[in-house]
Structure formats: structure tokens, C-alpha cells
């Protein structure tokens, strides 16, 4: 009984942390979101709102996230097809 009283807050913190990580990963590796950010970045650069160096740095970051997201998507797809 005492063990449950002590571990319950810890378990709650762990579950909240897992949910936050899940939501953050979804935002970081959501393909449509990344594509939209790439388009916005390109538009900002073409309109002269950001310098080339900042554009290239942010573009590289977004493309890396895109590659990771595609890989994760493929892994999920492979897992789904293996289960059937």
C-alpha cells in the first residue's frame, strides 16, 4: 500500500513526460508540417526576409528532420505490413 502511494506520483510524472515526448516528436517529425515550414522558409528567403546563411542553416535542419520522418514512416509501414 505504501509502495503504491509513493510510486503513484512518480508514475504520473513518467506518463506525462512520455506524452510530452510523443507530442513533441509528432510536431518535429510530422511530414506535412515540415513541408509547410520548408515552403515558408523558401518564401521568406525569396522575399529577402532572411539572409542566405540563415536560410541554408534552417533548410538543412528541416531537410534532416524530413529524412528522419520519412525513415520513421517507412519503419512504421514495415511494422504494419509484417503484422498482417
N, C-alpha and C. Protein backbone atom coordinates (compact mmCIF):
# COMPACT_ATOMS: atom_id res chain seq x y z
N UNK A 1 0.81 -1.19 0.00
CA UNK A 1 0.00 0.00 0.00
C UNK A 1 0.86 1.26 0.00
N UNK A 2 1.85 1.31 0.88
CA UNK A 2 2.73 2.47 0.93
C UNK A 2 3.50 2.60 -0.38
N UNK A 3 3.90 1.47 -0.94
CA UNK A 3 4.62 1.47 -2.22
C UNK A 3 3.79 2.16 -3.30
N UNK A 4 2.49 1.87 -3.33
CA UNK A 4 1.61 2.49 -4.33
C UNK A 4 1.49 3.99 -4.11
N UNK A 5 1.42 4.41 -2.85
CA UNK A 5 1.32 5.84 -2.54
C UNK A 5 2.58 6.59 -2.96
N UNK A 6 3.70 5.96 -2.81
CA UNK A 6 4.98 6.59 -3.17
C UNK A 6 5.20 6.56 -4.67
N UNK A 7 4.87 5.45 -5.31
CA UNK A 7 5.15 5.31 -6.74
C UNK A 7 4.12 5.98 -7.64
N UNK A 8 2.92 6.24 -7.15
CA UNK A 8 1.87 6.84 -7.98
C UNK A 8 2.30 8.20 -8.55
N UNK A 9 2.83 9.13 -7.74
CA UNK A 9 3.26 10.41 -8.32
C UNK A 9 4.40 10.24 -9.34
N UNK A 10 5.28 9.32 -9.07
CA UNK A 10 6.39 9.07 -9.99
C UNK A 10 5.85 8.52 -11.31
N UNK A 11 4.94 7.58 -11.23
CA UNK A 11 4.34 7.01 -12.44
C UNK A 11 3.60 8.08 -13.24
N UNK A 12 2.91 8.98 -12.54
CA UNK A 12 2.19 10.06 -13.22
C UNK A 12 3.17 10.97 -13.95
N UNK A 13 4.27 11.32 -13.30
CA UNK A 13 5.28 12.17 -13.93
C UNK A 13 5.87 11.48 -15.16
N UNK A 14 6.11 10.20 -15.06
CA UNK A 14 6.65 9.43 -16.19
C UNK A 14 5.66 9.43 -17.35
N UNK A 15 4.38 9.20 -17.05
CA UNK A 15 3.36 9.18 -18.12
C UNK A 15 3.22 10.54 -18.77
N UNK A 16 3.26 11.60 -17.97
CA UNK A 16 3.17 12.95 -18.53
C UNK A 16 4.39 13.23 -19.41
N UNK A 17 5.56 12.84 -18.95
CA UNK A 17 6.78 13.02 -19.73
C UNK A 17 6.73 12.26 -21.05
N UNK A 18 6.22 11.04 -21.01
CA UNK A 18 6.09 10.25 -22.24
C UNK A 18 5.13 10.91 -23.22
N UNK A 19 4.02 11.44 -22.70
CA UNK A 19 3.04 12.11 -23.56
C UNK A 19 3.64 13.38 -24.19
N UNK A 20 4.38 14.13 -23.40
CA UNK A 20 5.03 15.34 -23.92
C UNK A 20 6.02 14.97 -25.01
N UNK A 21 6.81 13.93 -24.78
CA UNK A 21 7.78 13.49 -25.80
C UNK A 21 7.06 13.04 -27.06
N UNK A 22 5.96 12.31 -26.90
CA UNK A 22 5.19 11.85 -28.04
C UNK A 22 4.66 13.03 -28.87
N UNK A 23 4.13 14.03 -28.19
CA UNK A 23 3.61 15.20 -28.90
C UNK A 23 4.73 16.00 -29.56
N UNK A 24 5.85 16.13 -28.88
CA UNK A 24 7.00 16.85 -29.45
C UNK A 24 7.52 16.12 -30.68
N UNK A 25 7.63 14.80 -30.60
CA UNK A 25 8.09 14.02 -31.75
C UNK A 25 7.12 14.16 -32.92
N UNK A 26 5.82 14.17 -32.60
CA UNK A 26 4.82 14.31 -33.65
C UNK A 26 5.01 15.65 -34.37
N UNK A 27 5.26 16.70 -33.61
CA UNK A 27 5.46 18.02 -34.20
C UNK A 27 6.78 18.07 -34.98
N UNK A 28 7.82 17.50 -34.40
CA UNK A 28 9.14 17.54 -35.04
C UNK A 28 9.18 16.72 -36.32
N UNK A 29 8.49 15.61 -36.34
CA UNK A 29 8.62 14.68 -37.45
C UNK A 29 7.32 14.48 -38.23
N UNK A 30 6.45 15.46 -38.20
CA UNK A 30 5.22 15.42 -38.99
C UNK A 30 5.54 15.93 -40.40
N UNK A 31 5.41 15.04 -41.39
CA UNK A 31 5.81 15.38 -42.76
C UNK A 31 5.10 16.62 -43.32
N UNK A 32 3.78 16.73 -43.21
CA UNK A 32 3.13 17.93 -43.74
C UNK A 32 3.61 19.22 -43.06
N UNK A 33 3.87 19.15 -41.75
CA UNK A 33 4.37 20.32 -41.04
C UNK A 33 5.75 20.72 -41.55
N UNK A 34 6.60 19.76 -41.73
CA UNK A 34 7.95 20.03 -42.23
C UNK A 34 7.88 20.61 -43.64
N UNK A 35 7.05 20.02 -44.48
CA UNK A 35 6.91 20.53 -45.85
C UNK A 35 6.42 21.97 -45.85
N UNK A 36 5.46 22.28 -45.00
CA UNK A 36 4.94 23.64 -44.92
C UNK A 36 6.02 24.61 -44.45
N UNK A 37 6.81 24.18 -43.48
CA UNK A 37 7.89 25.03 -42.98
C UNK A 37 8.95 25.26 -44.06
N UNK A 38 9.22 24.24 -44.87
CA UNK A 38 10.17 24.41 -45.98
C UNK A 38 9.65 25.43 -46.99
N UNK A 39 8.36 25.37 -47.28
CA UNK A 39 7.76 26.32 -48.22
C UNK A 39 7.82 27.74 -47.66
N UNK A 40 7.47 27.88 -46.38
CA UNK A 40 7.52 29.20 -45.75
C UNK A 40 8.94 29.75 -45.73
N UNK A 41 9.89 28.88 -45.44
CA UNK A 41 11.29 29.29 -45.42
C UNK A 41 11.73 29.78 -46.79
N UNK A 42 11.38 29.03 -47.83
CA UNK A 42 11.73 29.41 -49.20
C UNK A 42 11.12 30.77 -49.55
N UNK A 43 9.87 30.97 -49.18
CA UNK A 43 9.21 32.24 -49.46
C UNK A 43 9.89 33.40 -48.73
N UNK A 44 10.24 33.18 -47.47
CA UNK A 44 10.92 34.22 -46.69
C UNK A 44 12.25 34.58 -47.33
N UNK A 45 12.97 33.58 -47.81
CA UNK A 45 14.27 33.83 -48.45
C UNK A 45 14.08 34.59 -49.76
N UNK A 46 13.14 34.15 -50.57
CA UNK A 46 12.90 34.81 -51.86
C UNK A 46 12.42 36.25 -51.70
N UNK A 47 11.72 36.53 -50.61
CA UNK A 47 11.26 37.90 -50.35
C UNK A 47 12.31 38.75 -49.65
N UNK A 48 13.46 38.15 -49.37
CA UNK A 48 14.55 38.89 -48.74
C UNK A 48 14.36 39.11 -47.25
N UNK A 49 13.51 38.33 -46.64
CA UNK A 49 13.23 38.49 -45.21
C UNK A 49 14.31 37.86 -44.33
N UNK A 50 15.04 36.90 -44.89
CA UNK A 50 16.13 36.27 -44.14
C UNK A 50 17.36 36.18 -45.04
N UNK A 51 18.55 36.26 -44.45
CA UNK A 51 19.78 36.15 -45.26
C UNK A 51 20.01 34.71 -45.72
N UNK A 52 20.84 34.57 -46.72
CA UNK A 52 21.11 33.25 -47.30
C UNK A 52 21.67 32.27 -46.27
N UNK A 53 22.56 32.75 -45.43
CA UNK A 53 23.18 31.86 -44.43
C UNK A 53 22.12 31.29 -43.48
N UNK A 54 21.21 32.12 -43.01
CA UNK A 54 20.14 31.65 -42.12
C UNK A 54 19.22 30.69 -42.87
N UNK A 55 18.95 31.00 -44.13
CA UNK A 55 18.11 30.12 -44.96
C UNK A 55 18.74 28.74 -45.08
N UNK A 56 20.01 28.71 -45.43
CA UNK A 56 20.68 27.43 -45.63
C UNK A 56 20.74 26.61 -44.34
N UNK A 57 20.98 27.29 -43.23
CA UNK A 57 21.06 26.59 -41.94
C UNK A 57 19.71 25.98 -41.57
N UNK A 58 18.65 26.75 -41.68
CA UNK A 58 17.31 26.27 -41.34
C UNK A 58 16.85 25.20 -42.34
N UNK A 59 17.18 25.39 -43.62
CA UNK A 59 16.79 24.41 -44.63
C UNK A 59 17.46 23.06 -44.33
N UNK A 60 18.72 23.10 -43.97
CA UNK A 60 19.44 21.86 -43.66
C UNK A 60 18.78 21.15 -42.47
N UNK A 61 18.42 21.92 -41.45
CA UNK A 61 17.75 21.34 -40.28
C UNK A 61 16.41 20.71 -40.67
N UNK A 62 15.62 21.41 -41.46
CA UNK A 62 14.32 20.89 -41.87
C UNK A 62 14.46 19.65 -42.76
N UNK A 63 15.43 19.67 -43.66
CA UNK A 63 15.63 18.50 -44.53
C UNK A 63 16.08 17.28 -43.73
N UNK A 64 16.89 17.51 -42.69
CA UNK A 64 17.30 16.40 -41.83
C UNK A 64 16.09 15.84 -41.10
N UNK A 65 15.25 16.72 -40.57
CA UNK A 65 14.01 16.27 -39.91
C UNK A 65 13.12 15.53 -40.90
N UNK A 66 13.07 16.00 -42.14
CA UNK A 66 12.26 15.35 -43.16
C UNK A 66 12.75 13.93 -43.43
N UNK A 67 14.06 13.78 -43.55
CA UNK A 67 14.63 12.46 -43.79
C UNK A 67 14.33 11.51 -42.63
N UNK A 68 14.45 12.00 -41.40
CA UNK A 68 14.15 11.17 -40.24
C UNK A 68 12.67 10.79 -40.24
N UNK A 69 11.81 11.74 -40.54
CA UNK A 69 10.37 11.49 -40.56
C UNK A 69 10.02 10.44 -41.62
N UNK A 70 10.64 10.53 -42.79
CA UNK A 70 10.38 9.54 -43.84
C UNK A 70 10.85 8.15 -43.40
N UNK A 71 12.01 8.11 -42.75
CA UNK A 71 12.53 6.83 -42.27
C UNK A 71 11.58 6.24 -41.22
N UNK A 72 11.11 7.08 -40.30
CA UNK A 72 10.17 6.60 -39.28
C UNK A 72 8.87 6.12 -39.91
N UNK A 73 8.42 6.84 -40.92
CA UNK A 73 7.20 6.44 -41.62
C UNK A 73 7.38 5.08 -42.29
N UNK A 74 8.52 4.88 -42.92
CA UNK A 74 8.80 3.60 -43.58
C UNK A 74 8.89 2.47 -42.55
N UNK A 75 9.51 2.74 -41.40
CA UNK A 75 9.62 1.72 -40.35
C UNK A 75 8.23 1.35 -39.83
N UNK A 76 7.37 2.35 -39.64
CA UNK A 76 6.01 2.08 -39.19
C UNK A 76 5.25 1.26 -40.23
N UNK A 77 5.43 1.61 -41.49
CA UNK A 77 4.77 0.89 -42.57
C UNK A 77 5.23 -0.57 -42.60
N UNK A 78 6.53 -0.77 -42.45
CA UNK A 78 7.07 -2.14 -42.45
C UNK A 78 6.51 -2.94 -41.28
N UNK A 79 6.41 -2.30 -40.10
CA UNK A 79 5.84 -2.98 -38.94
C UNK A 79 4.40 -3.39 -39.18
N UNK A 80 3.63 -2.49 -39.80
CA UNK A 80 2.23 -2.80 -40.08
C UNK A 80 2.09 -3.94 -41.08
N UNK A 81 2.93 -3.94 -42.09
CA UNK A 81 2.83 -4.99 -43.11
C UNK A 81 3.32 -6.34 -42.58
N UNK A 82 4.22 -6.34 -41.62
CA UNK A 82 4.71 -7.60 -41.03
C UNK A 82 3.63 -8.25 -40.16
N UNK A 83 2.81 -7.44 -39.53
CA UNK A 83 1.78 -7.97 -38.63
C UNK A 83 0.66 -8.67 -39.38
N UNK A 84 0.48 -8.33 -40.64
CA UNK A 84 -0.63 -8.91 -41.40
C UNK A 84 -0.29 -10.24 -41.98
